[in-house]
C-alpha atoms as a PDB file:
ATOM      1  CA  MET A   1     -13.164  25.456  -7.560  1.00  0.00           C
ATOM      2  CA  ARG A   2     -12.567  23.600  -4.232  1.00  0.00           C
ATOM      3  CA  PHE A   3      -9.599  21.629  -3.790  1.00  0.00           C
ATOM      4  CA  ARG A   4     -10.252  17.870  -4.448  1.00  0.00           C
ATOM      5  CA  VAL A   5      -9.194  15.425  -1.890  1.00  0.00           C
ATOM      6  CA  GLU A   6      -8.808  11.777  -3.064  1.00  0.00           C
ATOM      7  CA  LEU A   7      -9.731   9.336   0.052  1.00  0.00           C
ATOM      8  CA  GLU A   8      -8.800   6.169  -1.615  1.00  0.00           C
ATOM      9  CA  LEU A   9      -5.899   5.856   0.729  1.00  0.00           C
ATOM     10  CA  PHE A  10      -6.983   3.011   2.823  1.00  0.00           C
ATOM     11  CA  ALA A  11      -5.492  -0.061   1.396  1.00  0.00           C
ATOM     12  CA  GLY A  12      -8.094  -2.376   3.115  1.00  0.00           C
ATOM     13  CA  PRO A  13      -9.014  -4.185   6.289  1.00  0.00           C
ATOM     14  CA  LEU A  14      -6.248  -6.617   6.076  1.00  0.00           C
ATOM     15  CA  ASP A  15      -3.686  -4.028   5.519  1.00  0.00           C
ATOM     16  CA  LEU A  16      -4.851  -2.304   8.599  1.00  0.00           C
ATOM     17  CA  LEU A  17      -4.821  -5.480  10.784  1.00  0.00           C
ATOM     18  CA  TRP A  18      -1.423  -6.509   9.356  1.00  0.00           C
ATOM     19  CA  TYR A  19       0.002  -2.965  10.390  1.00  0.00           C
ATOM     20  CA  LEU A  20      -1.263  -3.667  13.945  1.00  0.00           C
ATOM     21  CA  VAL A  21       0.291  -7.036  14.186  1.00  0.00           C
ATOM     22  CA  ARG A  22       3.578  -5.946  12.515  1.00  0.00           C
ATOM     23  CA  LYS A  23       4.137  -2.663  14.370  1.00  0.00           C
ATOM     24  CA  GLN A  24       3.584  -4.210  17.767  1.00  0.00           C
ATOM     25  CA  GLU A  25       5.762  -7.344  16.790  1.00  0.00           C
ATOM     26  CA  LEU A  26       3.123  -9.562  17.724  1.00  0.00           C
ATOM     27  CA  ASP A  27       3.242 -13.396  16.957  1.00  0.00           C
ATOM     28  CA  ILE A  28       0.902 -13.754  14.031  1.00  0.00           C
ATOM     29  CA  MET A  29       0.176 -17.367  15.162  1.00  0.00           C
ATOM     30  CA  ASP A  30      -0.936 -16.272  18.692  1.00  0.00           C
ATOM     31  CA  ILE A  31      -2.714 -12.895  17.937  1.00  0.00           C
ATOM     32  CA  PRO A  32      -3.929 -11.216  21.260  1.00  0.00           C
ATOM     33  CA  ILE A  33      -7.412 -10.643  19.719  1.00  0.00           C
ATOM     34  CA  ALA A  34      -9.010  -8.614  22.410  1.00  0.00           C
ATOM     35  CA  ARG A  35      -6.287  -5.923  22.233  1.00  0.00           C
ATOM     36  CA  VAL A  36      -5.954  -5.935  18.370  1.00  0.00           C
ATOM     37  CA  THR A  37      -9.845  -5.623  18.170  1.00  0.00           C
ATOM     38  CA  GLU A  38      -9.802  -2.544  20.381  1.00  0.00           C
ATOM     39  CA  GLN A  39      -7.022  -0.753  18.336  1.00  0.00           C
ATOM     40  CA  TYR A  40      -8.681  -1.729  15.083  1.00  0.00           C
ATOM     41  CA  LEU A  41     -12.003  -0.299  16.157  1.00  0.00           C
ATOM     42  CA  GLU A  42     -10.354   2.905  17.226  1.00  0.00           C
ATOM     43  CA  LEU A  43      -8.597   3.427  13.837  1.00  0.00           C
ATOM     44  CA  ILE A  44     -11.646   2.580  11.866  1.00  0.00           C
ATOM     45  CA  GLU A  45     -13.582   5.272  13.685  1.00  0.00           C
ATOM     46  CA  VAL A  46     -11.120   7.784  12.374  1.00  0.00           C
ATOM     47  CA  ILE A  47     -11.820   6.403   8.750  1.00  0.00           C
ATOM     48  CA  GLU A  48     -15.603   6.711   9.217  1.00  0.00           C
ATOM     49  CA  GLN A  49     -14.995  10.324  10.281  1.00  0.00           C
ATOM     50  CA  ILE A  50     -13.011  11.143   7.066  1.00  0.00           C
ATOM     51  CA  ASP A  51     -15.051   9.105   4.610  1.00  0.00           C
ATOM     52  CA  VAL A  52     -18.109   7.106   5.627  1.00  0.00           C
ATOM     53  CA  ASN A  53     -18.100   5.331   2.331  1.00  0.00           C
ATOM     54  CA  ALA A  54     -14.644   3.914   2.847  1.00  0.00           C
ATOM     55  CA  VAL A  55     -15.439   2.081   6.057  1.00  0.00           C
ATOM     56  CA  GLY A  56     -17.809  -0.670   4.957  1.00  0.00           C
ATOM     57  CA  ASP A  57     -15.082  -3.207   4.231  1.00  0.00           C
ATOM     58  CA  PHE A  58     -13.223  -2.476   7.414  1.00  0.00           C
ATOM     59  CA  LEU A  59     -16.660  -3.068   9.512  1.00  0.00           C
ATOM     60  CA  GLU A  60     -16.964  -6.418   8.015  1.00  0.00           C
ATOM     61  CA  LEU A  61     -13.561  -7.517   9.398  1.00  0.00           C
ATOM     62  CA  ALA A  62     -14.303  -5.746  12.693  1.00  0.00           C
ATOM     63  CA  THR A  63     -17.428  -7.794  13.148  1.00  0.00           C
ATOM     64  CA  ARG A  64     -15.397 -10.903  12.542  1.00  0.00           C
ATOM     65  CA  LEU A  65     -12.905  -9.876  15.142  1.00  0.00           C
ATOM     66  CA  MET A  66     -15.452  -9.269  17.685  1.00  0.00           C
ATOM     67  CA  GLU A  67     -16.944 -12.677  17.161  1.00  0.00           C
ATOM     68  CA  ILE A  68     -13.661 -14.240  17.606  1.00  0.00           C
ATOM     69  CA  LYS A  69     -13.040 -12.120  20.763  1.00  0.00           C
ATOM     70  CA  SER A  70     -16.555 -13.209  22.204  1.00  0.00           C
ATOM     71  CA  ARG A  71     -15.677 -16.997  21.393  1.00  0.00           C
ATOM     72  CA  MET A  72     -12.296 -16.728  23.102  1.00  0.00           C
ATOM     73  CA  ILE A  73     -13.658 -15.166  26.259  1.00  0.00           C
ATOM     74  CA  LEU A  74     -16.515 -17.518  26.765  1.00  0.00           C
ATOM     75  CA  PRO A  75     -16.222 -19.956  29.755  1.00  0.00           C
ATOM     76  CA  ARG A  76     -15.306 -23.549  29.032  1.00  0.00           C
ATOM     77  CA  HIS A  77     -16.523 -26.661  30.657  1.00  0.00           C
ATOM     78  CA  GLU A  78     -14.101 -29.226  31.935  1.00  0.00           C
ATOM     79  CA  GLU A  79     -15.152 -31.500  29.052  1.00  0.00           C
ATOM     80  CA  ASP A  80     -14.116 -28.857  26.482  1.00  0.00           C
ATOM     81  CA  GLU A  81     -10.853 -28.124  28.350  1.00  0.00           C
ATOM     82  CA  LYS A  82      -9.882 -31.963  27.996  1.00  0.00           C
ATOM     83  CA  GLU A  83     -10.585 -31.790  24.337  1.00  0.00           C
ATOM     84  CA  GLU A  84      -8.966 -28.375  23.886  1.00  0.00           C
ATOM     85  CA  SER A  85      -6.335 -29.570  21.540  1.00  0.00           C
ATOM     86  CA  GLU A  86      -8.814 -30.898  19.243  1.00  0.00           C
ATOM     87  CA  VAL A  87     -10.930 -27.758  19.010  1.00  0.00           C
ATOM     88  CA  GLU A  88     -10.214 -25.427  16.176  1.00  0.00           C
ATOM     89  CA  ASP A  89      -8.712 -22.034  17.211  1.00  0.00           C
ATOM     90  CA  PRO A  90     -11.259 -19.464  16.217  1.00  0.00           C
ATOM     91  CA  ARG A  91      -8.355 -17.086  15.018  1.00  0.00           C
ATOM     92  CA  GLN A  92      -7.178 -19.658  12.505  1.00  0.00           C
ATOM     93  CA  ASP A  93      -9.139 -17.994   9.639  1.00  0.00           C
ATOM     94  CA  ILE A  94      -7.772 -14.587  10.317  1.00  0.00           C
ATOM     95  CA  VAL A  95      -4.285 -16.003  10.671  1.00  0.00           C
ATOM     96  CA  GLN A  96      -4.439 -17.867   7.301  1.00  0.00           C
ATOM     97  CA  ARG A  97      -5.753 -14.540   5.677  1.00  0.00           C
ATOM     98  CA  LEU A  98      -2.942 -12.639   7.237  1.00  0.00           C
ATOM     99  CA  LEU A  99      -0.454 -15.189   6.060  1.00  0.00           C
ATOM    100  CA  GLU A 100      -1.713 -14.947   2.567  1.00  0.00           C
ATOM    101  CA  TYR A 101      -1.681 -11.182   2.685  1.00  0.00           C
ATOM    102  CA  LYS A 102       1.921 -11.240   3.974  1.00  0.00           C
ATOM    103  CA  LYS A 103       3.096 -13.110   0.975  1.00  0.00           C
ATOM    104  CA  TYR A 104       1.374 -10.593  -1.270  1.00  0.00           C
ATOM    105  CA  LYS A 105       3.032  -7.765   0.612  1.00  0.00           C
ATOM    106  CA  ASP A 106       6.552  -9.454   0.563  1.00  0.00           C
ATOM    107  CA  ALA A 107       6.158  -9.909  -3.166  1.00  0.00           C
ATOM    108  CA  ALA A 108       5.161  -6.365  -3.894  1.00  0.00           C
ATOM    109  CA  SER A 109       8.193  -5.017  -1.816  1.00  0.00           C
ATOM    110  CA  MET A 110      10.319  -7.205  -3.706  1.00  0.00           C
ATOM    111  CA  LEU A 111       9.175  -5.920  -7.119  1.00  0.00           C
ATOM    112  CA  ALA A 112       9.324  -2.429  -5.713  1.00  0.00           C
ATOM    113  CA  GLU A 113      12.916  -2.810  -4.738  1.00  0.00           C
ATOM    114  CA  ARG A 114      13.750  -4.352  -8.064  1.00  0.00           C
ATOM    115  CA  GLY A 115      12.055  -1.385  -9.863  1.00  0.00           C
ATOM    116  CA  GLN A 116      14.228   0.997  -7.931  1.00  0.00           C
ATOM    117  CA  LEU A 117      17.332  -0.862  -8.783  1.00  0.00           C
ATOM    118  CA  TRP A 118      16.428  -0.770 -12.537  1.00  0.00           C
ATOM    119  CA  GLN A 119      15.834   2.892 -12.361  1.00  0.00           C
ATOM    120  CA  ARG A 120      19.186   3.518 -10.908  1.00  0.00           C
ATOM    121  CA  ARG A 121      20.701   1.263 -13.616  1.00  0.00           C
ATOM    122  CA  PHE A 122      19.134   2.652 -16.710  1.00  0.00           C
ATOM    123  CA  ALA A 123      18.777   6.401 -17.480  1.00  0.00           C
ATOM    124  CA  ARG A 124      15.330   7.863 -18.267  1.00  0.00           C
ATOM    125  CA  ARG A 125      14.858   8.855 -21.783  1.00  0.00           C
ATOM    126  CA  VAL A 126      13.570  12.562 -22.337  1.00  0.00           C
ATOM    127  CA  ASN A 127      10.611  11.378 -24.539  1.00  0.00           C
ATOM    128  CA  ASP A 128       9.412   8.623 -22.358  1.00  0.00           C
ATOM    129  CA  LEU A 129       7.849  10.945 -19.852  1.00  0.00           C
ATOM    130  CA  PRO A 130       3.928  11.305 -19.887  1.00  0.00           C
ATOM    131  CA  THR A 131       3.029  14.462 -21.912  1.00  0.00           C
ATOM    132  CA  GLY A 132       0.543  15.650 -19.396  1.00  0.00           C
ATOM    133  CA  GLY A 133       2.589  14.978 -16.331  1.00  0.00           C
ATOM    134  CA  ALA A 134       1.679  12.772 -13.329  1.00  0.00           C
ATOM    135  CA  ASP A 135      -1.445  13.851 -11.479  1.00  0.00           C
ATOM    136  CA  PRO A 136      -0.513  14.408  -7.941  1.00  0.00           C
ATOM    137  CA  SER A 137      -3.933  13.292  -6.707  1.00  0.00           C
ATOM    138  CA  GLU A 138      -3.213   9.900  -8.021  1.00  0.00           C
ATOM    139  CA  GLN A 139       0.056   9.358  -6.417  1.00  0.00           C
ATOM    140  CA  PRO A 140      -0.383   6.989  -3.396  1.00  0.00           C
ATOM    141  CA  ILE A 141       0.810   7.485   0.108  1.00  0.00           C
ATOM    142  CA  HIS A 142       2.753   4.604   1.440  1.00  0.00           C
ATOM    143  CA  GLU A 143       0.594   2.354   3.574  1.00  0.00           C
ATOM    144  CA  ILE A 144       2.863   2.305   6.478  1.00  0.00           C
ATOM    145  CA  GLU A 145       3.295   5.980   6.700  1.00  0.00           C
ATOM    146  CA  MET A 146      -0.592   6.496   6.280  1.00  0.00           C
ATOM    147  CA  TRP A 147      -1.482   4.028   9.086  1.00  0.00           C
ATOM    148  CA  ASP A 148       1.046   5.632  11.329  1.00  0.00           C
ATOM    149  CA  LEU A 149      -0.595   9.060  10.573  1.00  0.00           C
ATOM    150  CA  VAL A 150      -4.026   7.657  11.134  1.00  0.00           C
ATOM    151  CA  SER A 151      -3.044   6.237  14.463  1.00  0.00           C
ATOM    152  CA  ALA A 152      -1.515   9.461  15.581  1.00  0.00           C
ATOM    153  CA  PHE A 153      -4.609  11.365  14.510  1.00  0.00           C
ATOM    154  CA  ALA A 154      -6.748   8.878  16.475  1.00  0.00           C
ATOM    155  CA  ARG A 155      -4.672  10.068  19.550  1.00  0.00           C
ATOM    156  CA  VAL A 156      -5.247  13.597  18.662  1.00  0.00           C
ATOM    157  CA  VAL A 157      -8.955  13.274  18.443  1.00  0.00           C
ATOM    158  CA  ARG A 158      -9.083  11.296  21.703  1.00  0.00           C
ATOM    159  CA  ASP A 159      -6.992  13.886  23.483  1.00  0.00           C
ATOM    160  CA  ASN A 160      -9.105  16.725  22.110  1.00  0.00           C
ATOM    161  CA  ALA A 161     -12.350  15.139  22.912  1.00  0.00           C
ATOM    162  CA  THR A 162     -14.686  17.651  24.633  1.00  0.00           C
ATOM    163  CA  ALA A 163     -18.472  17.624  25.583  1.00  0.00           C
ATOM    164  CA  ARG A 164     -20.744  17.327  22.517  1.00  0.00           C
ATOM    165  CA  PRO A 165     -21.789  20.713  21.352  1.00  0.00           C
ATOM    166  CA  SER A 166     -25.392  21.791  21.389  1.00  0.00           C
ATOM    167  CA  ALA A 167     -25.214  22.654  17.632  1.00  0.00           C
ATOM    168  CA  ILE A 168     -23.432  20.928  14.848  1.00  0.00           C
ATOM    169  CA  ARG A 169     -20.625  23.273  13.598  1.00  0.00           C
ATOM    170  CA  TYR A 170     -19.180  23.045  10.002  1.00  0.00           C
ATOM    171  CA  ASP A 171     -15.994  24.003   8.721  1.00  0.00           C
ATOM    172  CA  ASP A 172     -15.844  25.317   5.136  1.00  0.00           C
ATOM    173  CA  THR A 173     -12.086  26.202   5.187  1.00  0.00           C
ATOM    174  CA  PRO A 174     -10.676  24.863   1.933  1.00  0.00           C
ATOM    175  CA  ILE A 175      -8.052  22.205   2.490  1.00  0.00           C
ATOM    176  CA  GLU A 176      -5.430  24.227   0.547  1.00  0.00           C
ATOM    177  CA  VAL A 177      -5.734  26.985   3.271  1.00  0.00           C
ATOM    178  CA  TYR A 178      -4.641  24.436   5.919  1.00  0.00           C
ATOM    179  CA  MET A 179      -1.789  23.430   3.603  1.00  0.00           C
ATOM    180  CA  ASP A 180      -0.471  26.865   3.236  1.00  0.00           C
ATOM    181  CA  ARG A 181      -0.679  27.411   6.980  1.00  0.00           C
ATOM    182  CA  ILE A 182       1.638  24.296   7.541  1.00  0.00           C
ATOM    183  CA  ARG A 183       3.915  25.486   4.762  1.00  0.00           C
ATOM    184  CA  GLU A 184       4.230  28.866   6.367  1.00  0.00           C
ATOM    185  CA  ARG A 185       5.200  27.228   9.640  1.00  0.00           C
ATOM    186  CA  LEU A 186       7.712  25.037   8.053  1.00  0.00           C
ATOM    187  CA  ALA A 187       9.333  28.175   6.424  1.00  0.00           C
ATOM    188  CA  THR A 188      10.414  29.344   9.900  1.00  0.00           C
ATOM    189  CA  GLU A 189      10.653  25.949  11.739  1.00  0.00           C
ATOM    190  CA  SER A 190      12.853  23.046  10.652  1.00  0.00           C
ATOM    191  CA  SER A 191      10.266  20.619  11.815  1.00  0.00           C
ATOM    192  CA  LEU A 192       6.867  20.273  13.288  1.00  0.00           C
ATOM    193  CA  SER A 193       5.352  17.732  15.756  1.00  0.00           C
ATOM    194  CA  PHE A 194       2.153  16.281  14.273  1.00  0.00           C
ATOM    195  CA  LYS A 195       0.365  17.000  17.448  1.00  0.00           C
ATOM    196  CA  SER A 196       1.330  20.739  17.352  1.00  0.00           C
ATOM    197  CA  LEU A 197      -0.730  21.165  14.255  1.00  0.00           C
ATOM    198  CA  PHE A 198      -3.776  20.757  16.469  1.00  0.00           C
ATOM    199  CA  GLN A 199      -5.211  22.976  19.176  1.00  0.00           C
ATOM    200  CA  ALA A 200      -7.586  21.725  22.133  1.00  0.00           C
ATOM    201  CA  ASP A 201     -10.362  24.124  21.347  1.00  0.00           C
ATOM    202  CA  MET A 202     -10.592  22.964  17.527  1.00  0.00           C
ATOM    203  CA  HIS A 203     -13.841  21.226  16.626  1.00  0.00           C
ATOM    204  CA  ARG A 204     -13.985  17.896  14.809  1.00  0.00           C
ATOM    205  CA  SER A 205     -14.244  19.382  11.142  1.00  0.00           C
ATOM    206  CA  GLN A 206     -11.147  21.507  11.870  1.00  0.00           C
ATOM    207  CA  LEU A 207      -9.081  18.546  13.131  1.00  0.00           C
ATOM    208  CA  ILE A 208     -10.072  16.545   9.961  1.00  0.00           C
ATOM    209  CA  GLY A 209      -9.317  19.393   7.688  1.00  0.00           C
ATOM    210  CA  ILE A 210      -5.744  19.744   9.082  1.00  0.00           C
ATOM    211  CA  PHE A 211      -5.236  15.991   8.911  1.00  0.00           C
ATOM    212  CA  LEU A 212      -6.346  15.836   5.225  1.00  0.00           C
ATOM    213  CA  ALA A 213      -3.990  18.736   4.509  1.00  0.00           C
ATOM    214  CA  VAL A 214      -1.069  16.757   5.991  1.00  0.00           C
ATOM    215  CA  LEU A 215      -2.056  13.687   3.814  1.00  0.00           C
ATOM    216  CA  GLU A 216      -2.203  15.900   0.646  1.00  0.00           C
ATOM    217  CA  LEU A 217       1.237  17.572   1.515  1.00  0.00           C
ATOM    218  CA  ILE A 218       2.877  13.997   1.702  1.00  0.00           C
ATOM    219  CA  ARG A 219       1.066  12.905  -1.463  1.00  0.00           C
ATOM    220  CA  HIS A 220       2.567  15.845  -3.250  1.00  0.00           C
ATOM    221  CA  HIS A 221       6.037  14.759  -2.085  1.00  0.00           C
ATOM    222  CA  ASN A 222       6.685  18.199  -0.407  1.00  0.00           C
ATOM    223  CA  ILE A 223       6.372  17.033   3.215  1.00  0.00           C
ATOM    224  CA  ARG A 224       8.007  13.911   4.786  1.00  0.00           C
ATOM    225  CA  ALA A 225       6.799  12.385   8.078  1.00  0.00           C
ATOM    226  CA  GLU A 226       9.253  10.614  10.505  1.00  0.00           C
ATOM    227  CA  GLN A 227       8.730   8.547  13.636  1.00  0.00           C
ATOM    228  CA  GLN A 228      11.537   7.766  15.923  1.00  0.00           C
ATOM    229  CA  GLU A 229       9.743   5.038  18.025  1.00  0.00           C
ATOM    230  CA  LEU A 230       6.753   2.953  17.942  1.00  0.00           C
ATOM    231  CA  PHE A 231       3.636   5.027  18.405  1.00  0.00           C
ATOM    232  CA  GLY A 232       5.796   7.922  19.355  1.00  0.00           C
ATOM    233  CA  GLU A 233       5.518  11.509  18.161  1.00  0.00           C
ATOM    234  CA  ILE A 234       5.469  12.070  14.241  1.00  0.00           C
ATOM    235  CA  TRP A 235       7.516  14.990  13.055  1.00  0.00           C
ATOM    236  CA  ILE A 236       6.736  16.847   9.962  1.00  0.00           C
ATOM    237  CA  SER A 237       9.393  18.468   7.934  1.00  0.00           C
ATOM    238  CA  ALA A 238       9.864  19.841   4.452  1.00  0.00           C
ATOM    239  CA  MET A 239      11.816  17.880   1.840  1.00  0.00           C
ATOM    240  CA  ALA A 240      14.991  19.652   0.297  1.00  0.00           C
ATOM    241  CA  GLY A 241      14.092  22.493  -2.067  1.00  0.00           C
ATOM    242  CA  GLU A 242      10.476  22.848  -0.623  1.00  0.00           C
ATOM    243  CA  ASP A 243      11.159  26.105   1.095  1.00  0.00           C
ATOM    244  CA  LYS A 244      12.711  27.526  -1.937  1.00  0.00           C
ATOM    245  CA  ASP A 245       9.563  26.501  -4.059  1.00  0.00           C
ATOM    246  CA  ALA A 246       7.172  27.891  -1.560  1.00  0.00           C
ATOM    247  CA  GLN A 247       8.968  31.384  -1.763  1.00  0.00           C
ATOM    248  CA  VAL A 248       8.882  31.305  -5.442  1.00  0.00           C
ATOM    249  CA  ALA A 249       5.266  30.457  -5.412  1.00  0.00           C
ATOM    250  CA  ALA A 250       4.571  33.278  -2.962  1.00  0.00           C
END
C-alpha cells in the first residue's frame, strides 16, 4: 500500500494573501498590488504542481488581484486626477476581506492560547484519550510554517529550473523513502538546510516528492522547521527523542 499524503494543507487564498502582507510588514490599507500579485502567482504555481485540484479557489483571487493591478496601472486623464479623491480605490474590496480575515485569525489565535493555558492547568485523565489514537494524516500543519515552506520550495524550483525535457519523466518513489532518507541524514547531522535536500539535476517529480516528505515529517511532529530571517534559509532538525525513536524503528 502506497503512503497516503493528505494535501488539504492550504488554508485558502485569503490565508496566502494575508501571509504575504504580514510577513513583509506591508500596510494593509496601502497594499502594493503589483508586487503582491507577482508573489501570489509564484506560490500558487507551486500549489498547482502539488495538487491541481487545490488551486481553483486560489486562481479566483489571483484573477481579482490581476484585475486590480490592471486598473491601477491604467493612465488617468486630468479630469480623473482632479476627482481622484472621489474615485473608489480598486483595492478596497480586498482590504475589507483581509481585515475581516485578520479578525478571524486573531480570534482563532486567542482561543488556541486559551486552550494551551487550560491544558497546563488541568491534568489529562487517562481514560479521556481516544481509543484508536490520533490519525497523524489528520493533524494540521501550522499555516505560517506551511506557507514559509511553500515559499522556500518555490525558490528551489526556480533555482533548479532547466530546459524542458524531450520526454515526460515520472518518479514512482514512495514518499516514505524520501522521509527515511531525511531521517538518516538527521541521525548524523544536527540540522539540514531545506535547500540542501534538493539537487540541481533532480527532475520536477523528485523535487515535489521530497517537499511532500518534509511536510509529512512535520505533520508527524518528528521534525521542526526554523527560519531566522524573513525569506531566509529554513533549517530542518529532529525534535528531542526522534533520533532514538528512529534507531529503535530500525
